[in-house]
N, C-alpha and C. Protein backbone atom coordinates (compact mmCIF):
# COMPACT_ATOMS: atom_id res chain seq x y z
N MET A 1 -16.73 -5.26 -9.52
CA MET A 1 -15.65 -5.53 -10.43
C MET A 1 -16.19 -6.21 -11.69
N LYS A 2 -15.91 -5.61 -12.82
CA LYS A 2 -16.37 -6.14 -14.09
C LYS A 2 -15.59 -7.39 -14.49
N HIS A 3 -14.29 -7.33 -14.32
CA HIS A 3 -13.43 -8.46 -14.65
C HIS A 3 -13.31 -9.37 -13.44
N LYS A 4 -13.13 -10.66 -13.68
CA LYS A 4 -12.90 -11.61 -12.59
C LYS A 4 -11.48 -11.41 -12.09
N VAL A 5 -11.37 -11.17 -10.79
CA VAL A 5 -10.08 -10.94 -10.17
C VAL A 5 -9.93 -11.90 -9.00
N ASP A 6 -8.80 -12.54 -8.92
CA ASP A 6 -8.47 -13.41 -7.79
C ASP A 6 -7.48 -12.67 -6.90
N PHE A 7 -7.49 -13.02 -5.63
CA PHE A 7 -6.59 -12.41 -4.65
C PHE A 7 -5.87 -13.54 -3.94
N ARG A 8 -4.55 -13.38 -3.81
CA ARG A 8 -3.77 -14.42 -3.16
C ARG A 8 -2.53 -13.81 -2.50
N PRO A 9 -1.93 -14.54 -1.58
CA PRO A 9 -0.68 -14.05 -0.99
C PRO A 9 0.38 -13.87 -2.08
N MET A 10 1.17 -12.83 -1.92
CA MET A 10 2.24 -12.55 -2.86
C MET A 10 3.31 -13.64 -2.77
N GLN A 11 3.84 -14.00 -3.92
CA GLN A 11 4.95 -14.95 -4.00
C GLN A 11 6.20 -14.20 -4.47
N ASP A 12 7.37 -14.73 -4.14
CA ASP A 12 8.62 -14.11 -4.57
C ASP A 12 8.62 -13.86 -6.07
N SER A 13 8.07 -14.80 -6.82
CA SER A 13 8.07 -14.71 -8.28
C SER A 13 7.16 -13.59 -8.81
N ASP A 14 6.33 -13.01 -7.96
CA ASP A 14 5.46 -11.90 -8.36
C ASP A 14 6.20 -10.57 -8.40
N TYR A 15 7.42 -10.53 -7.86
CA TYR A 15 8.04 -9.22 -7.64
C TYR A 15 8.27 -8.43 -8.92
N SER A 16 8.57 -9.04 -10.03
CA SER A 16 8.78 -8.24 -11.24
C SER A 16 7.51 -7.48 -11.61
N ALA A 17 6.34 -8.12 -11.47
CA ALA A 17 5.07 -7.43 -11.74
C ALA A 17 4.78 -6.39 -10.67
N VAL A 18 5.09 -6.71 -9.41
CA VAL A 18 4.92 -5.74 -8.31
C VAL A 18 5.77 -4.51 -8.58
N ALA A 19 7.02 -4.71 -8.97
CA ALA A 19 7.92 -3.59 -9.25
C ALA A 19 7.42 -2.76 -10.44
N GLU A 20 6.86 -3.41 -11.45
CA GLU A 20 6.33 -2.69 -12.61
C GLU A 20 5.15 -1.80 -12.19
N ILE A 21 4.27 -2.31 -11.37
CA ILE A 21 3.13 -1.52 -10.90
C ILE A 21 3.62 -0.40 -9.98
N PHE A 22 4.61 -0.69 -9.16
CA PHE A 22 5.20 0.35 -8.30
C PHE A 22 5.79 1.46 -9.18
N GLN A 23 6.45 1.08 -10.26
CA GLN A 23 7.02 2.08 -11.18
C GLN A 23 5.93 2.96 -11.78
N GLN A 24 4.76 2.39 -12.08
CA GLN A 24 3.65 3.21 -12.58
C GLN A 24 3.26 4.26 -11.53
N GLY A 25 3.24 3.86 -10.26
CA GLY A 25 2.94 4.81 -9.19
C GLY A 25 3.99 5.90 -9.11
N ILE A 26 5.24 5.53 -9.25
CA ILE A 26 6.34 6.51 -9.26
C ILE A 26 6.14 7.48 -10.42
N ASP A 27 5.89 6.93 -11.60
CA ASP A 27 5.74 7.75 -12.80
C ASP A 27 4.54 8.70 -12.70
N GLY A 28 3.49 8.28 -11.99
CA GLY A 28 2.30 9.11 -11.83
C GLY A 28 2.54 10.34 -10.97
N GLY A 29 3.55 10.30 -10.12
CA GLY A 29 3.94 11.47 -9.35
C GLY A 29 3.18 11.72 -8.07
N ASN A 30 2.15 10.94 -7.75
CA ASN A 30 1.38 11.19 -6.53
C ASN A 30 1.28 9.98 -5.62
N ALA A 31 2.25 9.08 -5.71
CA ALA A 31 2.18 7.87 -4.89
C ALA A 31 3.33 7.72 -3.91
N THR A 32 4.50 8.23 -4.25
CA THR A 32 5.69 7.97 -3.43
C THR A 32 6.80 8.97 -3.74
N PHE A 33 7.71 9.10 -2.81
CA PHE A 33 8.92 9.89 -3.04
C PHE A 33 9.99 9.08 -3.78
N GLU A 34 9.83 7.78 -3.85
CA GLU A 34 10.83 6.91 -4.47
C GLU A 34 11.02 7.27 -5.95
N THR A 35 12.21 6.98 -6.47
CA THR A 35 12.49 7.23 -7.88
C THR A 35 12.56 5.94 -8.69
N ALA A 36 12.67 4.81 -7.99
CA ALA A 36 12.71 3.51 -8.66
C ALA A 36 12.34 2.44 -7.63
N PRO A 37 11.75 1.36 -8.08
CA PRO A 37 11.47 0.26 -7.16
C PRO A 37 12.78 -0.30 -6.59
N PRO A 38 12.75 -0.73 -5.34
CA PRO A 38 13.96 -1.35 -4.78
C PRO A 38 14.19 -2.74 -5.37
N THR A 39 15.33 -3.29 -5.10
CA THR A 39 15.57 -4.68 -5.47
C THR A 39 14.63 -5.56 -4.65
N TRP A 40 14.42 -6.79 -5.13
CA TRP A 40 13.60 -7.74 -4.38
C TRP A 40 14.17 -7.93 -2.97
N GLU A 41 15.48 -8.08 -2.87
CA GLU A 41 16.10 -8.32 -1.57
C GLU A 41 15.80 -7.19 -0.59
N ARG A 42 15.91 -5.97 -1.04
CA ARG A 42 15.63 -4.80 -0.19
C ARG A 42 14.15 -4.74 0.17
N TRP A 43 13.29 -4.92 -0.84
CA TRP A 43 11.84 -4.88 -0.60
C TRP A 43 11.45 -5.96 0.41
N ASN A 44 11.95 -7.15 0.22
CA ASN A 44 11.63 -8.28 1.09
C ASN A 44 12.08 -8.00 2.53
N GLN A 45 13.22 -7.40 2.69
CA GLN A 45 13.75 -7.06 4.02
C GLN A 45 12.91 -6.00 4.72
N ASP A 46 12.37 -5.06 3.98
CA ASP A 46 11.64 -3.92 4.56
C ASP A 46 10.18 -4.21 4.86
N HIS A 47 9.67 -5.35 4.44
CA HIS A 47 8.24 -5.65 4.60
C HIS A 47 8.01 -6.85 5.51
N PHE A 48 6.89 -6.81 6.20
CA PHE A 48 6.47 -7.95 7.00
C PHE A 48 6.38 -9.18 6.11
N LYS A 49 6.59 -10.34 6.68
CA LYS A 49 6.45 -11.60 5.92
C LYS A 49 4.97 -11.95 5.73
N VAL A 50 4.10 -11.41 6.56
CA VAL A 50 2.65 -11.55 6.40
C VAL A 50 2.13 -10.25 5.80
N GLY A 51 0.87 -10.27 5.38
CA GLY A 51 0.30 -9.03 4.85
C GLY A 51 0.88 -8.62 3.52
N ARG A 52 1.13 -9.57 2.65
CA ARG A 52 1.60 -9.32 1.29
C ARG A 52 0.60 -9.98 0.36
N TRP A 53 -0.13 -9.18 -0.39
CA TRP A 53 -1.20 -9.71 -1.24
C TRP A 53 -1.10 -9.15 -2.65
N VAL A 54 -1.55 -9.95 -3.60
CA VAL A 54 -1.66 -9.49 -4.98
C VAL A 54 -3.07 -9.73 -5.49
N ALA A 55 -3.47 -8.88 -6.42
CA ALA A 55 -4.70 -9.07 -7.18
C ALA A 55 -4.27 -9.57 -8.55
N VAL A 56 -4.95 -10.60 -9.03
CA VAL A 56 -4.56 -11.25 -10.28
C VAL A 56 -5.78 -11.33 -11.20
N ALA A 57 -5.62 -10.85 -12.43
CA ALA A 57 -6.69 -10.98 -13.44
C ALA A 57 -6.85 -12.45 -13.74
N ALA A 58 -8.05 -12.98 -13.53
CA ALA A 58 -8.28 -14.43 -13.66
C ALA A 58 -8.01 -14.93 -15.07
N GLU A 59 -8.40 -14.15 -16.09
CA GLU A 59 -8.24 -14.61 -17.47
C GLU A 59 -6.79 -14.74 -17.88
N SER A 60 -5.97 -13.79 -17.47
CA SER A 60 -4.59 -13.72 -17.95
C SER A 60 -3.55 -14.13 -16.91
N ALA A 61 -3.95 -14.24 -15.64
CA ALA A 61 -3.04 -14.51 -14.52
C ALA A 61 -2.05 -13.36 -14.31
N GLU A 62 -2.37 -12.18 -14.87
CA GLU A 62 -1.52 -11.00 -14.73
C GLU A 62 -1.75 -10.38 -13.35
N VAL A 63 -0.66 -10.06 -12.65
CA VAL A 63 -0.76 -9.32 -11.39
C VAL A 63 -1.16 -7.90 -11.74
N ILE A 64 -2.29 -7.45 -11.16
CA ILE A 64 -2.82 -6.12 -11.50
C ILE A 64 -2.86 -5.18 -10.29
N GLY A 65 -2.41 -5.66 -9.15
CA GLY A 65 -2.35 -4.82 -7.98
C GLY A 65 -1.66 -5.55 -6.85
N TRP A 66 -1.20 -4.78 -5.88
CA TRP A 66 -0.56 -5.39 -4.72
C TRP A 66 -0.73 -4.49 -3.51
N ALA A 67 -0.65 -5.12 -2.36
CA ALA A 67 -0.68 -4.40 -1.10
C ALA A 67 0.24 -5.13 -0.14
N ALA A 68 0.93 -4.37 0.70
CA ALA A 68 1.88 -4.98 1.62
C ALA A 68 2.07 -4.07 2.83
N LEU A 69 2.60 -4.68 3.89
CA LEU A 69 2.87 -3.98 5.14
C LEU A 69 4.37 -3.86 5.37
N SER A 70 4.80 -2.67 5.73
CA SER A 70 6.21 -2.48 6.07
C SER A 70 6.33 -2.05 7.52
N TYR A 71 7.53 -2.18 8.03
CA TYR A 71 7.80 -1.88 9.43
C TYR A 71 7.81 -0.38 9.68
N VAL A 72 7.23 0.03 10.81
CA VAL A 72 7.27 1.42 11.24
C VAL A 72 8.47 1.63 12.15
N SER A 73 8.76 0.62 12.96
CA SER A 73 9.86 0.70 13.93
C SER A 73 10.29 -0.72 14.28
N ASN A 74 11.53 -0.89 14.67
CA ASN A 74 11.98 -2.20 15.13
C ASN A 74 11.84 -2.36 16.64
N ARG A 75 11.30 -1.36 17.31
CA ARG A 75 11.08 -1.45 18.76
C ARG A 75 9.90 -2.38 19.03
N ASN A 76 10.04 -3.23 20.03
CA ASN A 76 9.02 -4.23 20.34
C ASN A 76 7.65 -3.61 20.62
N VAL A 77 7.62 -2.46 21.24
CA VAL A 77 6.36 -1.82 21.58
C VAL A 77 5.52 -1.49 20.34
N PHE A 78 6.18 -1.35 19.19
CA PHE A 78 5.49 -1.03 17.94
C PHE A 78 5.35 -2.24 17.01
N ARG A 79 5.48 -3.45 17.56
CA ARG A 79 5.42 -4.66 16.74
C ARG A 79 4.08 -4.83 16.04
N GLY A 80 3.02 -4.20 16.54
CA GLY A 80 1.69 -4.32 15.95
C GLY A 80 1.28 -3.10 15.15
N VAL A 81 2.26 -2.31 14.74
CA VAL A 81 2.00 -1.11 13.94
C VAL A 81 2.71 -1.29 12.60
N ALA A 82 1.97 -1.09 11.52
CA ALA A 82 2.55 -1.29 10.18
C ALA A 82 2.11 -0.18 9.24
N GLU A 83 2.98 0.11 8.29
CA GLU A 83 2.66 1.05 7.22
C GLU A 83 2.10 0.25 6.05
N LEU A 84 0.98 0.68 5.54
CA LEU A 84 0.31 0.00 4.44
C LEU A 84 0.67 0.67 3.12
N SER A 85 1.02 -0.13 2.14
CA SER A 85 1.22 0.35 0.77
C SER A 85 0.27 -0.41 -0.14
N ILE A 86 -0.33 0.31 -1.06
CA ILE A 86 -1.23 -0.33 -2.02
C ILE A 86 -1.05 0.36 -3.37
N TYR A 87 -0.89 -0.45 -4.40
CA TYR A 87 -0.69 0.04 -5.76
C TYR A 87 -1.52 -0.81 -6.71
N ILE A 88 -2.22 -0.14 -7.62
CA ILE A 88 -3.06 -0.81 -8.60
C ILE A 88 -2.57 -0.44 -10.00
N HIS A 89 -2.51 -1.43 -10.88
CA HIS A 89 -2.11 -1.19 -12.27
C HIS A 89 -2.99 -0.10 -12.85
N ASP A 90 -2.39 0.79 -13.63
CA ASP A 90 -3.11 1.94 -14.20
C ASP A 90 -4.41 1.54 -14.90
N ARG A 91 -4.42 0.42 -15.60
CA ARG A 91 -5.61 0.00 -16.35
C ARG A 91 -6.76 -0.42 -15.44
N PHE A 92 -6.50 -0.61 -14.16
CA PHE A 92 -7.53 -1.14 -13.27
C PHE A 92 -7.94 -0.16 -12.17
N HIS A 93 -7.54 1.10 -12.30
CA HIS A 93 -7.97 2.10 -11.32
C HIS A 93 -9.49 2.26 -11.37
N GLY A 94 -10.11 2.44 -10.22
CA GLY A 94 -11.54 2.73 -10.15
C GLY A 94 -12.45 1.54 -10.41
N LYS A 95 -11.92 0.33 -10.35
CA LYS A 95 -12.73 -0.85 -10.65
C LYS A 95 -12.98 -1.73 -9.42
N GLY A 96 -12.65 -1.22 -8.24
CA GLY A 96 -12.91 -1.97 -7.01
C GLY A 96 -11.80 -2.91 -6.58
N VAL A 97 -10.73 -3.00 -7.37
CA VAL A 97 -9.62 -3.89 -7.03
C VAL A 97 -8.93 -3.44 -5.75
N GLY A 98 -8.67 -2.15 -5.63
CA GLY A 98 -7.99 -1.62 -4.44
C GLY A 98 -8.79 -1.84 -3.18
N LYS A 99 -10.08 -1.63 -3.25
CA LYS A 99 -10.94 -1.81 -2.07
C LYS A 99 -10.91 -3.25 -1.58
N LYS A 100 -11.07 -4.18 -2.49
CA LYS A 100 -11.06 -5.60 -2.11
C LYS A 100 -9.68 -6.00 -1.58
N LEU A 101 -8.64 -5.54 -2.24
CA LEU A 101 -7.28 -5.85 -1.81
C LEU A 101 -7.01 -5.31 -0.41
N MET A 102 -7.46 -4.09 -0.15
CA MET A 102 -7.23 -3.50 1.17
C MET A 102 -8.08 -4.21 2.23
N GLU A 103 -9.29 -4.61 1.90
CA GLU A 103 -10.12 -5.36 2.86
C GLU A 103 -9.42 -6.66 3.27
N ILE A 104 -8.86 -7.36 2.29
CA ILE A 104 -8.15 -8.61 2.57
C ILE A 104 -6.92 -8.33 3.44
N LEU A 105 -6.18 -7.30 3.10
CA LEU A 105 -4.98 -6.97 3.86
C LEU A 105 -5.32 -6.57 5.30
N ILE A 106 -6.38 -5.83 5.49
CA ILE A 106 -6.79 -5.45 6.85
C ILE A 106 -7.12 -6.69 7.67
N ARG A 107 -7.91 -7.58 7.10
CA ARG A 107 -8.27 -8.82 7.80
C ARG A 107 -7.02 -9.64 8.14
N ASP A 108 -6.13 -9.78 7.16
CA ASP A 108 -4.89 -10.53 7.36
C ASP A 108 -4.03 -9.87 8.43
N SER A 109 -3.94 -8.57 8.42
CA SER A 109 -3.11 -7.88 9.42
C SER A 109 -3.63 -8.15 10.82
N GLU A 110 -4.95 -8.09 10.99
CA GLU A 110 -5.52 -8.33 12.32
C GLU A 110 -5.32 -9.78 12.76
N GLU A 111 -5.45 -10.70 11.82
CA GLU A 111 -5.23 -12.12 12.14
C GLU A 111 -3.78 -12.38 12.54
N ASN A 112 -2.88 -11.47 12.18
CA ASN A 112 -1.47 -11.62 12.51
C ASN A 112 -0.99 -10.62 13.56
N GLY A 113 -1.93 -10.09 14.36
CA GLY A 113 -1.56 -9.28 15.51
C GLY A 113 -1.23 -7.82 15.25
N ILE A 114 -1.56 -7.32 14.07
CA ILE A 114 -1.32 -5.90 13.76
C ILE A 114 -2.52 -5.11 14.25
N TRP A 115 -2.30 -4.18 15.16
CA TRP A 115 -3.41 -3.42 15.73
C TRP A 115 -3.55 -2.01 15.14
N MET A 116 -2.54 -1.55 14.43
CA MET A 116 -2.62 -0.20 13.87
C MET A 116 -1.98 -0.21 12.48
N LEU A 117 -2.74 0.27 11.50
CA LEU A 117 -2.22 0.48 10.17
C LEU A 117 -2.12 1.97 9.92
N GLN A 118 -1.08 2.38 9.26
CA GLN A 118 -0.94 3.78 8.90
C GLN A 118 -0.50 3.90 7.45
N SER A 119 -0.83 5.03 6.86
CA SER A 119 -0.42 5.34 5.48
C SER A 119 -0.08 6.81 5.40
N GLY A 120 0.94 7.11 4.64
CA GLY A 120 1.26 8.50 4.31
C GLY A 120 0.84 8.72 2.87
N VAL A 121 -0.06 9.68 2.65
CA VAL A 121 -0.66 9.87 1.33
C VAL A 121 -0.51 11.34 0.92
N PHE A 122 -0.06 11.57 -0.31
CA PHE A 122 -0.03 12.93 -0.82
C PHE A 122 -1.46 13.47 -0.87
N PRO A 123 -1.70 14.72 -0.43
CA PRO A 123 -3.06 15.27 -0.45
C PRO A 123 -3.70 15.29 -1.83
N GLU A 124 -2.89 15.33 -2.87
CA GLU A 124 -3.41 15.34 -4.24
C GLU A 124 -3.96 13.98 -4.67
N ASN A 125 -3.63 12.94 -3.94
CA ASN A 125 -4.07 11.58 -4.30
C ASN A 125 -5.46 11.33 -3.69
N LYS A 126 -6.43 12.01 -4.25
CA LYS A 126 -7.81 11.97 -3.72
C LYS A 126 -8.39 10.56 -3.72
N ALA A 127 -8.11 9.76 -4.74
CA ALA A 127 -8.66 8.40 -4.81
C ALA A 127 -8.14 7.54 -3.66
N SER A 128 -6.88 7.66 -3.35
CA SER A 128 -6.30 6.88 -2.25
C SER A 128 -6.88 7.32 -0.91
N ILE A 129 -7.03 8.62 -0.73
CA ILE A 129 -7.60 9.13 0.52
C ILE A 129 -9.03 8.61 0.69
N LYS A 130 -9.81 8.69 -0.37
CA LYS A 130 -11.20 8.22 -0.33
C LYS A 130 -11.26 6.72 0.00
N LEU A 131 -10.40 5.94 -0.62
CA LEU A 131 -10.37 4.50 -0.35
C LEU A 131 -10.03 4.23 1.11
N HIS A 132 -9.01 4.88 1.62
CA HIS A 132 -8.63 4.69 3.02
C HIS A 132 -9.80 5.05 3.95
N GLU A 133 -10.43 6.18 3.69
CA GLU A 133 -11.54 6.61 4.54
C GLU A 133 -12.69 5.62 4.51
N LYS A 134 -13.00 5.07 3.33
CA LYS A 134 -14.08 4.07 3.21
C LYS A 134 -13.82 2.87 4.10
N LEU A 135 -12.55 2.56 4.31
CA LEU A 135 -12.19 1.36 5.05
C LEU A 135 -11.75 1.65 6.49
N GLY A 136 -12.19 2.79 7.00
CA GLY A 136 -12.02 3.06 8.42
C GLY A 136 -10.77 3.81 8.83
N PHE A 137 -10.01 4.31 7.87
CA PHE A 137 -8.85 5.13 8.21
C PHE A 137 -9.33 6.55 8.50
N ARG A 138 -8.62 7.21 9.37
CA ARG A 138 -8.94 8.61 9.67
C ARG A 138 -7.67 9.44 9.53
N ASN A 139 -7.86 10.69 9.21
CA ASN A 139 -6.74 11.61 9.06
C ASN A 139 -6.28 12.02 10.45
N VAL A 140 -5.04 11.71 10.79
CA VAL A 140 -4.51 12.06 12.11
C VAL A 140 -3.39 13.09 12.03
N GLY A 141 -3.07 13.52 10.82
CA GLY A 141 -2.01 14.50 10.75
C GLY A 141 -1.71 14.99 9.35
N PHE A 142 -1.04 16.11 9.32
CA PHE A 142 -0.62 16.76 8.08
C PHE A 142 0.84 17.12 8.26
N ARG A 143 1.68 16.61 7.39
CA ARG A 143 3.10 16.91 7.48
C ARG A 143 3.46 17.83 6.31
N GLU A 144 3.68 19.08 6.65
CA GLU A 144 3.93 20.11 5.64
C GLU A 144 5.36 20.02 5.12
N LYS A 145 5.48 19.99 3.81
CA LYS A 145 6.78 19.98 3.15
C LYS A 145 7.72 18.98 3.82
N ILE A 146 7.25 17.76 3.98
CA ILE A 146 8.00 16.70 4.65
C ILE A 146 9.20 16.24 3.82
N GLY A 147 9.09 16.35 2.49
CA GLY A 147 10.20 15.92 1.64
C GLY A 147 10.09 16.52 0.25
N GLN A 148 11.19 16.41 -0.47
CA GLN A 148 11.24 16.93 -1.83
C GLN A 148 11.23 15.78 -2.82
N MET A 149 10.51 15.99 -3.90
CA MET A 149 10.51 15.01 -4.98
C MET A 149 11.93 15.01 -5.56
N PRO A 150 12.53 13.85 -5.65
CA PRO A 150 13.93 13.78 -6.06
C PRO A 150 14.26 14.42 -7.41
N LYS A 151 13.40 14.26 -8.40
CA LYS A 151 13.74 14.79 -9.73
C LYS A 151 13.45 16.27 -9.87
N SER A 152 12.35 16.74 -9.28
CA SER A 152 11.94 18.13 -9.46
C SER A 152 12.34 19.03 -8.29
N ASN A 153 12.72 18.44 -7.17
CA ASN A 153 13.02 19.17 -5.93
C ASN A 153 11.80 19.90 -5.37
N LYS A 154 10.61 19.58 -5.88
CA LYS A 154 9.38 20.19 -5.38
C LYS A 154 9.06 19.63 -3.99
N TRP A 155 8.80 20.52 -3.04
CA TRP A 155 8.41 20.12 -1.70
C TRP A 155 7.00 19.54 -1.72
N ARG A 156 6.79 18.46 -0.97
CA ARG A 156 5.48 17.81 -0.93
C ARG A 156 5.03 17.62 0.52
N ASP A 157 3.73 17.74 0.70
CA ASP A 157 3.09 17.45 1.99
C ASP A 157 2.57 16.03 1.95
N ILE A 158 2.33 15.46 3.11
CA ILE A 158 1.60 14.19 3.17
C ILE A 158 0.58 14.25 4.31
N LEU A 159 -0.49 13.50 4.11
CA LEU A 159 -1.48 13.28 5.16
C LEU A 159 -1.12 11.97 5.82
N ILE A 160 -1.27 11.91 7.14
CA ILE A 160 -1.07 10.67 7.86
C ILE A 160 -2.45 10.10 8.17
N LEU A 161 -2.72 8.93 7.62
CA LEU A 161 -4.00 8.26 7.83
C LEU A 161 -3.73 7.01 8.65
N GLU A 162 -4.62 6.71 9.59
CA GLU A 162 -4.43 5.49 10.38
C GLU A 162 -5.75 4.80 10.64
N ARG A 163 -5.63 3.51 10.88
CA ARG A 163 -6.80 2.67 11.19
C ARG A 163 -6.44 1.81 12.38
N ARG A 164 -7.19 1.98 13.45
CA ARG A 164 -7.01 1.17 14.66
C ARG A 164 -7.94 -0.04 14.55
N SER A 165 -7.40 -1.22 14.80
CA SER A 165 -8.18 -2.44 14.74
C SER A 165 -9.30 -2.40 15.77
N ASN A 166 -10.47 -2.90 15.35
CA ASN A 166 -11.59 -3.05 16.29
C ASN A 166 -11.56 -4.42 16.97
N THR A 167 -10.72 -5.32 16.46
CA THR A 167 -10.71 -6.68 17.01
C THR A 167 -9.53 -6.93 17.96
N ILE A 168 -8.47 -6.15 17.85
CA ILE A 168 -7.34 -6.29 18.76
C ILE A 168 -7.40 -5.13 19.74
N VAL A 169 -7.68 -5.46 20.98
CA VAL A 169 -7.88 -4.41 21.99
C VAL A 169 -6.63 -4.20 22.81
């Protein structure tokens, strides 16, 4: 990383920057089916209270990336399974921020009893797939035409990537 970047747990007050970066992912067309970031209340409800991290540019204190875990199921048997989301500000793609952020999130997830992380990634999002693979995720599935992009109605596939913890047996 060329720029000094700090990593810390996400705070409620970070959400406007988190939503802005999420909107960049929406606008890019290869990150999510969503059309707009949810409200803070909705986002907070849908995500684990642990495993919420931000990357912050040290010079400006600007949030430049975030990663968080959301629930896969409310069934107790799946309490250690989480969906990982990671978004990096457009200006900081390819600078190692995502890798470091995901490494921190993986460690935090394991320290909090999460034994399986999963991500659904559009096949066109080669950078995200490569990042996941570098950090131990493997492709476990292909979901053909799983959903339509809301604005264009274009059908999209997703790859299911997962990482099983080596420390929680």
